[in-house]
Amino acid sequence: MFVESPIDLPKVIMISRFFNPQSFLTAIKQVIGRKYTQELNKLYIATEITKKSIEEIDQHGKDGSYVFGLICEGARWDILGGVLEESRPKEMFYLMPVVYCKALPIPEIGKEDKTLYKCPVYKTEDRGNTYVFEA
């Protein structure tokens, strides 16, 4: 995604360190919108949870960016099965593996996939005014 940029960005971005992660996600949409001549308001951020660690990512994302630092509260991610599972006893938070965030066109009404879980992402566990996006 950012390969054409003269600035050498990391292959994996630690999104949890950003004060305003929404601006980073908007930048992904802007770059992809320019690349494919799409309107910004007709794009959304789709996420794909990878099975890779930070060290295993060897190149930048083609139409997005790899991010790290998302935490799942009250559940955990089964890396082998690729599904959400119940959390283990006494384990309230689970550090998610690397997530690929990419910009895609918003599906037409009635065409969205009902098998996907739309997970709200917040900056802090306090919720409230800290909503970032829907993963």
N, C-alpha and C. Protein backbone atom coordinates (compact mmCIF):
# COMPACT_ATOMS: atom_id res chain seq x y z
N MET A 1 0.81 -1.19 0.00
CA MET A 1 0.00 0.00 0.00
C MET A 1 0.85 1.25 0.00
N PHE A 2 1.79 1.35 0.91
CA PHE A 2 2.58 2.57 1.05
C PHE A 2 3.95 2.44 0.40
N VAL A 3 4.12 1.47 -0.47
CA VAL A 3 5.43 1.22 -1.06
C VAL A 3 5.90 2.39 -1.92
N GLU A 4 4.96 3.08 -2.62
CA GLU A 4 5.37 4.19 -3.48
C GLU A 4 5.84 5.40 -2.68
N SER A 5 5.55 5.43 -1.40
CA SER A 5 5.88 6.56 -0.55
C SER A 5 7.39 6.67 -0.36
N PRO A 6 7.92 7.90 -0.36
CA PRO A 6 9.35 8.06 -0.11
C PRO A 6 9.72 7.78 1.34
N ILE A 7 8.73 7.77 2.22
CA ILE A 7 8.98 7.48 3.63
C ILE A 7 8.93 5.98 3.83
N ASP A 8 9.90 5.42 4.52
CA ASP A 8 9.94 3.99 4.76
C ASP A 8 9.13 3.67 6.02
N LEU A 9 7.88 3.27 5.83
CA LEU A 9 7.02 2.92 6.95
C LEU A 9 7.23 1.47 7.36
N PRO A 10 6.97 1.16 8.62
CA PRO A 10 7.10 -0.24 9.04
C PRO A 10 6.08 -1.12 8.33
N LYS A 11 6.36 -2.40 8.21
CA LYS A 11 5.45 -3.32 7.54
C LYS A 11 4.22 -3.60 8.41
N VAL A 12 4.39 -3.52 9.73
CA VAL A 12 3.29 -3.71 10.67
C VAL A 12 3.22 -2.47 11.57
N ILE A 13 2.04 -1.88 11.65
CA ILE A 13 1.84 -0.67 12.44
C ILE A 13 1.18 -1.04 13.77
N MET A 14 1.71 -0.54 14.87
CA MET A 14 1.09 -0.78 16.18
C MET A 14 0.00 0.27 16.39
N ILE A 15 -1.21 -0.07 15.98
CA ILE A 15 -2.33 0.87 15.96
C ILE A 15 -2.76 1.29 17.36
N SER A 16 -2.50 0.47 18.36
CA SER A 16 -2.91 0.81 19.72
C SER A 16 -2.09 1.95 20.32
N ARG A 17 -1.00 2.31 19.70
CA ARG A 17 -0.17 3.42 20.18
C ARG A 17 -0.61 4.77 19.64
N PHE A 18 -1.48 4.77 18.63
CA PHE A 18 -1.94 6.02 18.04
C PHE A 18 -2.92 6.73 18.95
N PHE A 19 -2.78 8.05 19.02
CA PHE A 19 -3.77 8.86 19.75
C PHE A 19 -5.08 8.90 18.98
N ASN A 20 -4.98 8.95 17.64
CA ASN A 20 -6.16 9.02 16.78
C ASN A 20 -6.06 7.95 15.69
N PRO A 21 -6.39 6.69 16.00
CA PRO A 21 -6.26 5.63 15.00
C PRO A 21 -7.21 5.80 13.81
N GLN A 22 -8.31 6.54 13.99
CA GLN A 22 -9.24 6.77 12.89
C GLN A 22 -8.55 7.47 11.72
N SER A 23 -7.64 8.38 12.02
CA SER A 23 -6.95 9.10 10.95
C SER A 23 -6.07 8.15 10.13
N PHE A 24 -5.46 7.18 10.78
CA PHE A 24 -4.65 6.19 10.06
C PHE A 24 -5.54 5.35 9.14
N LEU A 25 -6.69 4.93 9.64
CA LEU A 25 -7.61 4.13 8.83
C LEU A 25 -8.18 4.95 7.67
N THR A 26 -8.41 6.23 7.90
CA THR A 26 -8.86 7.11 6.83
C THR A 26 -7.77 7.27 5.77
N ALA A 27 -6.52 7.31 6.20
CA ALA A 27 -5.40 7.41 5.25
C ALA A 27 -5.35 6.17 4.35
N ILE A 28 -5.64 5.00 4.92
CA ILE A 28 -5.70 3.79 4.10
C ILE A 28 -6.77 3.95 3.02
N LYS A 29 -7.95 4.43 3.42
CA LYS A 29 -9.03 4.63 2.46
C LYS A 29 -8.66 5.67 1.40
N GLN A 30 -7.95 6.72 1.80
CA GLN A 30 -7.55 7.75 0.84
C GLN A 30 -6.58 7.21 -0.20
N VAL A 31 -5.60 6.45 0.25
CA VAL A 31 -4.60 5.90 -0.67
C VAL A 31 -5.26 4.94 -1.66
N ILE A 32 -6.12 4.07 -1.16
CA ILE A 32 -6.79 3.11 -2.04
C ILE A 32 -7.80 3.81 -2.93
N GLY A 33 -8.48 4.82 -2.40
CA GLY A 33 -9.42 5.60 -3.22
C GLY A 33 -8.73 6.26 -4.39
N ARG A 34 -7.55 6.82 -4.17
CA ARG A 34 -6.79 7.43 -5.26
C ARG A 34 -6.29 6.38 -6.24
N LYS A 35 -5.84 5.25 -5.70
CA LYS A 35 -5.28 4.19 -6.54
C LYS A 35 -6.34 3.63 -7.51
N TYR A 36 -7.55 3.45 -7.02
CA TYR A 36 -8.61 2.84 -7.83
C TYR A 36 -9.70 3.84 -8.23
N THR A 37 -9.44 5.13 -8.08
CA THR A 37 -10.39 6.21 -8.37
C THR A 37 -11.77 5.93 -7.80
N GLN A 38 -11.80 5.72 -6.48
CA GLN A 38 -13.04 5.49 -5.75
C GLN A 38 -13.28 6.67 -4.82
N GLU A 39 -14.54 6.95 -4.55
CA GLU A 39 -14.86 8.02 -3.61
C GLU A 39 -14.62 7.53 -2.18
N LEU A 40 -14.08 8.41 -1.37
CA LEU A 40 -13.73 8.07 0.01
C LEU A 40 -14.95 7.60 0.81
N ASN A 41 -16.09 8.26 0.62
CA ASN A 41 -17.27 7.91 1.40
C ASN A 41 -17.94 6.63 0.91
N LYS A 42 -17.41 6.01 -0.15
CA LYS A 42 -17.95 4.74 -0.64
C LYS A 42 -17.02 3.57 -0.32
N LEU A 43 -16.06 3.82 0.56
CA LEU A 43 -15.13 2.78 0.99
C LEU A 43 -15.29 2.53 2.48
N TYR A 44 -14.96 1.33 2.91
CA TYR A 44 -14.94 1.02 4.34
C TYR A 44 -13.70 0.18 4.63
N ILE A 45 -13.36 0.06 5.89
CA ILE A 45 -12.20 -0.73 6.29
C ILE A 45 -12.65 -2.15 6.62
N ALA A 46 -12.14 -3.11 5.86
CA ALA A 46 -12.40 -4.53 6.12
C ALA A 46 -11.17 -5.09 6.81
N THR A 47 -11.38 -6.02 7.72
CA THR A 47 -10.26 -6.60 8.45
C THR A 47 -10.16 -8.10 8.18
N GLU A 48 -8.94 -8.56 8.19
CA GLU A 48 -8.65 -9.98 8.01
C GLU A 48 -7.61 -10.37 9.04
N ILE A 49 -7.95 -11.28 9.91
CA ILE A 49 -7.02 -11.69 10.96
C ILE A 49 -6.09 -12.75 10.38
N THR A 50 -4.80 -12.48 10.47
CA THR A 50 -3.80 -13.39 9.89
C THR A 50 -3.37 -14.42 10.92
N LYS A 51 -2.63 -15.39 10.45
CA LYS A 51 -2.04 -16.40 11.34
C LYS A 51 -0.56 -16.10 11.57
N LYS A 52 -0.12 -14.91 11.18
CA LYS A 52 1.30 -14.56 11.24
C LYS A 52 1.61 -13.70 12.45
N SER A 53 2.85 -13.81 12.89
CA SER A 53 3.35 -12.91 13.93
C SER A 53 3.96 -11.69 13.25
N ILE A 54 4.34 -10.70 14.02
CA ILE A 54 4.94 -9.48 13.46
C ILE A 54 6.19 -9.82 12.65
N GLU A 55 7.00 -10.72 13.16
CA GLU A 55 8.26 -11.08 12.50
C GLU A 55 8.04 -11.79 11.17
N GLU A 56 6.90 -12.44 10.99
CA GLU A 56 6.63 -13.21 9.78
C GLU A 56 6.12 -12.36 8.62
N ILE A 57 5.71 -11.12 8.89
CA ILE A 57 5.25 -10.23 7.83
C ILE A 57 6.48 -9.70 7.10
N ASP A 58 6.61 -10.06 5.81
CA ASP A 58 7.83 -9.71 5.08
C ASP A 58 7.64 -8.59 4.06
N GLN A 59 6.40 -8.12 3.86
CA GLN A 59 6.18 -7.03 2.91
C GLN A 59 4.97 -6.21 3.33
N HIS A 60 4.85 -5.00 2.78
CA HIS A 60 3.71 -4.14 3.07
C HIS A 60 2.44 -4.74 2.46
N GLY A 61 1.29 -4.37 3.01
CA GLY A 61 0.02 -4.81 2.44
C GLY A 61 -0.20 -4.18 1.08
N LYS A 62 -0.83 -4.91 0.17
CA LYS A 62 -1.05 -4.40 -1.19
C LYS A 62 -2.11 -3.30 -1.21
N ASP A 63 -3.25 -3.56 -0.60
CA ASP A 63 -4.36 -2.59 -0.61
C ASP A 63 -4.75 -2.20 0.81
N GLY A 64 -3.80 -2.18 1.71
CA GLY A 64 -4.09 -1.85 3.09
C GLY A 64 -2.83 -1.86 3.92
N SER A 65 -3.00 -2.14 5.20
CA SER A 65 -1.86 -2.14 6.11
C SER A 65 -2.04 -3.21 7.18
N TYR A 66 -0.94 -3.82 7.56
CA TYR A 66 -0.96 -4.77 8.67
C TYR A 66 -0.87 -3.98 9.98
N VAL A 67 -1.75 -4.31 10.93
CA VAL A 67 -1.75 -3.62 12.22
C VAL A 67 -1.65 -4.64 13.34
N PHE A 68 -1.13 -4.18 14.47
CA PHE A 68 -0.95 -5.02 15.64
C PHE A 68 -1.32 -4.21 16.86
N GLY A 69 -1.74 -4.88 17.92
CA GLY A 69 -2.03 -4.21 19.17
C GLY A 69 -3.50 -4.20 19.54
N LEU A 70 -4.35 -4.86 18.75
CA LEU A 70 -5.76 -4.94 19.10
C LEU A 70 -5.95 -5.99 20.19
N ILE A 71 -6.81 -5.68 21.14
CA ILE A 71 -7.06 -6.57 22.27
C ILE A 71 -8.52 -6.95 22.30
N CYS A 72 -8.79 -8.24 22.44
CA CYS A 72 -10.15 -8.76 22.52
C CYS A 72 -10.52 -8.92 24.00
N GLU A 73 -11.66 -8.38 24.38
CA GLU A 73 -12.10 -8.45 25.78
C GLU A 73 -13.24 -9.45 25.91
N GLY A 74 -13.10 -10.41 26.82
CA GLY A 74 -14.15 -11.37 27.09
C GLY A 74 -14.23 -12.53 26.11
N ALA A 75 -13.26 -12.64 25.22
CA ALA A 75 -13.20 -13.74 24.26
C ALA A 75 -11.74 -13.89 23.83
N ARG A 76 -11.49 -14.88 22.99
CA ARG A 76 -10.14 -15.05 22.46
C ARG A 76 -10.24 -15.52 21.02
N TRP A 77 -9.16 -15.36 20.27
CA TRP A 77 -9.13 -15.77 18.88
C TRP A 77 -8.40 -17.09 18.77
N ASP A 78 -9.05 -18.08 18.18
CA ASP A 78 -8.44 -19.38 17.92
C ASP A 78 -7.68 -19.27 16.60
N ILE A 79 -6.36 -19.21 16.67
CA ILE A 79 -5.54 -18.99 15.48
C ILE A 79 -5.66 -20.15 14.49
N LEU A 80 -5.66 -21.37 14.98
CA LEU A 80 -5.74 -22.52 14.08
C LEU A 80 -7.10 -22.62 13.40
N GLY A 81 -8.17 -22.41 14.16
CA GLY A 81 -9.51 -22.51 13.60
C GLY A 81 -9.98 -21.25 12.89
N GLY A 82 -9.36 -20.11 13.21
CA GLY A 82 -9.74 -18.84 12.61
C GLY A 82 -11.10 -18.35 13.05
N VAL A 83 -11.45 -18.60 14.33
CA VAL A 83 -12.75 -18.20 14.86
C VAL A 83 -12.61 -17.63 16.26
N LEU A 84 -13.64 -16.89 16.68
CA LEU A 84 -13.70 -16.42 18.05
C LEU A 84 -14.11 -17.56 18.96
N GLU A 85 -13.48 -17.65 20.11
CA GLU A 85 -13.79 -18.69 21.09
C GLU A 85 -14.06 -18.03 22.44
N GLU A 86 -14.63 -18.80 23.35
CA GLU A 86 -14.82 -18.30 24.71
C GLU A 86 -13.45 -18.09 25.34
N SER A 87 -13.38 -17.11 26.21
CA SER A 87 -12.10 -16.86 26.88
C SER A 87 -11.81 -17.97 27.88
N ARG A 88 -10.55 -18.13 28.16
CA ARG A 88 -10.13 -19.14 29.15
C ARG A 88 -10.41 -18.60 30.55
N PRO A 89 -10.52 -19.48 31.53
CA PRO A 89 -10.75 -19.01 32.90
C PRO A 89 -9.66 -18.03 33.35
N LYS A 90 -10.07 -16.96 33.98
CA LYS A 90 -9.20 -15.92 34.53
C LYS A 90 -8.42 -15.17 33.45
N GLU A 91 -8.86 -15.24 32.21
CA GLU A 91 -8.22 -14.52 31.11
C GLU A 91 -9.25 -13.56 30.51
N MET A 92 -9.21 -12.30 30.94
CA MET A 92 -10.20 -11.32 30.50
C MET A 92 -9.85 -10.70 29.15
N PHE A 93 -8.55 -10.54 28.89
CA PHE A 93 -8.10 -9.88 27.66
C PHE A 93 -7.22 -10.82 26.85
N TYR A 94 -7.32 -10.70 25.52
CA TYR A 94 -6.53 -11.53 24.64
C TYR A 94 -5.91 -10.64 23.56
N LEU A 95 -4.61 -10.69 23.41
CA LEU A 95 -3.90 -9.91 22.39
C LEU A 95 -4.08 -10.60 21.03
N MET A 96 -4.73 -9.90 20.11
CA MET A 96 -5.02 -10.45 18.79
C MET A 96 -3.74 -10.57 17.96
N PRO A 97 -3.72 -11.54 17.03
CA PRO A 97 -2.57 -11.61 16.11
C PRO A 97 -2.61 -10.43 15.14
N VAL A 98 -1.68 -10.40 14.23
CA VAL A 98 -1.61 -9.31 13.25
C VAL A 98 -2.90 -9.31 12.42
N VAL A 99 -3.45 -8.10 12.23
CA VAL A 99 -4.70 -7.93 11.48
C VAL A 99 -4.40 -7.10 10.23
N TYR A 100 -4.93 -7.55 9.10
CA TYR A 100 -4.76 -6.83 7.85
C TYR A 100 -5.98 -5.95 7.64
N CYS A 101 -5.79 -4.64 7.62
CA CYS A 101 -6.86 -3.67 7.38
C CYS A 101 -6.75 -3.19 5.95
N LYS A 102 -7.83 -3.37 5.19
CA LYS A 102 -7.82 -2.95 3.79
C LYS A 102 -9.10 -2.20 3.48
N ALA A 103 -9.03 -1.34 2.49
CA ALA A 103 -10.19 -0.55 2.08
C ALA A 103 -10.91 -1.26 0.95
N LEU A 104 -12.22 -1.42 1.12
CA LEU A 104 -13.05 -2.07 0.11
C LEU A 104 -14.28 -1.21 -0.16
N PRO A 105 -14.89 -1.37 -1.34
CA PRO A 105 -16.14 -0.64 -1.61
C PRO A 105 -17.25 -1.13 -0.68
N ILE A 106 -18.09 -0.22 -0.23
CA ILE A 106 -19.23 -0.57 0.63
C ILE A 106 -20.19 -1.43 -0.19
N PRO A 107 -20.59 -2.61 0.34
CA PRO A 107 -21.52 -3.45 -0.43
C PRO A 107 -22.90 -2.80 -0.55
N GLU A 108 -23.59 -3.16 -1.61
CA GLU A 108 -24.94 -2.64 -1.81
C GLU A 108 -25.85 -3.14 -0.69
N ILE A 109 -26.91 -2.39 -0.41
CA ILE A 109 -27.85 -2.77 0.65
C ILE A 109 -28.44 -4.13 0.32
N GLY A 110 -28.43 -5.00 1.32
CA GLY A 110 -28.95 -6.35 1.14
C GLY A 110 -27.94 -7.35 0.65
N LYS A 111 -26.72 -6.89 0.30
CA LYS A 111 -25.69 -7.78 -0.23
C LYS A 111 -24.61 -8.10 0.78
N GLU A 112 -24.74 -7.59 2.02
CA GLU A 112 -23.68 -7.83 2.99
C GLU A 112 -23.74 -9.26 3.50
N ASP A 113 -22.59 -9.78 3.90
CA ASP A 113 -22.44 -11.16 4.37
C ASP A 113 -22.95 -11.28 5.80
N LYS A 114 -23.98 -12.07 6.00
CA LYS A 114 -24.59 -12.24 7.33
C LYS A 114 -23.78 -13.19 8.21
N THR A 115 -22.78 -13.87 7.66
CA THR A 115 -21.99 -14.80 8.45
C THR A 115 -20.82 -14.11 9.17
N LEU A 116 -20.57 -12.84 8.86
CA LEU A 116 -19.47 -12.11 9.48
C LEU A 116 -19.95 -11.42 10.75
N TYR A 117 -19.10 -11.41 11.76
CA TYR A 117 -19.39 -10.70 13.00
C TYR A 117 -18.78 -9.30 12.92
N LYS A 118 -19.60 -8.29 13.10
CA LYS A 118 -19.13 -6.91 13.08
C LYS A 118 -18.76 -6.52 14.51
N CYS A 119 -17.48 -6.42 14.75
CA CYS A 119 -16.97 -6.17 16.09
C CYS A 119 -16.59 -4.70 16.26
N PRO A 120 -17.20 -4.01 17.22
CA PRO A 120 -16.80 -2.63 17.45
C PRO A 120 -15.41 -2.56 18.07
N VAL A 121 -14.62 -1.61 17.62
CA VAL A 121 -13.27 -1.42 18.14
C VAL A 121 -13.23 -0.07 18.86
N TYR A 122 -12.71 -0.08 20.08
CA TYR A 122 -12.61 1.12 20.91
C TYR A 122 -11.15 1.38 21.26
N LYS A 123 -10.83 2.63 21.57
CA LYS A 123 -9.46 2.98 21.99
C LYS A 123 -9.16 2.47 23.39
N THR A 124 -10.16 2.52 24.27
CA THR A 124 -9.97 2.09 25.65
C THR A 124 -11.10 1.14 26.04
N GLU A 125 -10.96 0.49 27.16
CA GLU A 125 -12.01 -0.41 27.62
C GLU A 125 -13.20 0.34 28.20
N ASP A 126 -13.10 1.65 28.32
CA ASP A 126 -14.19 2.45 28.87
C ASP A 126 -15.32 2.70 27.88
N ARG A 127 -15.13 2.33 26.63
CA ARG A 127 -16.13 2.56 25.58
C ARG A 127 -16.42 4.05 25.45
N GLY A 128 -17.71 4.40 25.57
CA GLY A 128 -18.08 5.81 25.51
C GLY A 128 -17.67 6.48 24.22
N ASN A 129 -16.91 7.53 24.36
CA ASN A 129 -16.52 8.38 23.23
C ASN A 129 -15.24 7.89 22.54
N THR A 130 -14.88 6.63 22.73
CA THR A 130 -13.60 6.13 22.21
C THR A 130 -13.78 5.17 21.04
N TYR A 131 -14.94 5.19 20.37
CA TYR A 131 -15.20 4.30 19.24
C TYR A 131 -14.26 4.62 18.09
N VAL A 132 -13.68 3.59 17.48
CA VAL A 132 -12.74 3.76 16.36
C VAL A 132 -13.40 3.32 15.04
N PHE A 133 -13.75 2.04 14.93
CA PHE A 133 -14.38 1.51 13.71
C PHE A 133 -14.98 0.15 14.00
N GLU A 134 -15.60 -0.43 12.99
CA GLU A 134 -16.19 -1.75 13.10
C GLU A 134 -15.31 -2.74 12.34
N ALA A 135 -14.73 -3.67 13.07
CA ALA A 135 -13.84 -4.67 12.44
C ALA A 135 -14.65 -5.86 11.99
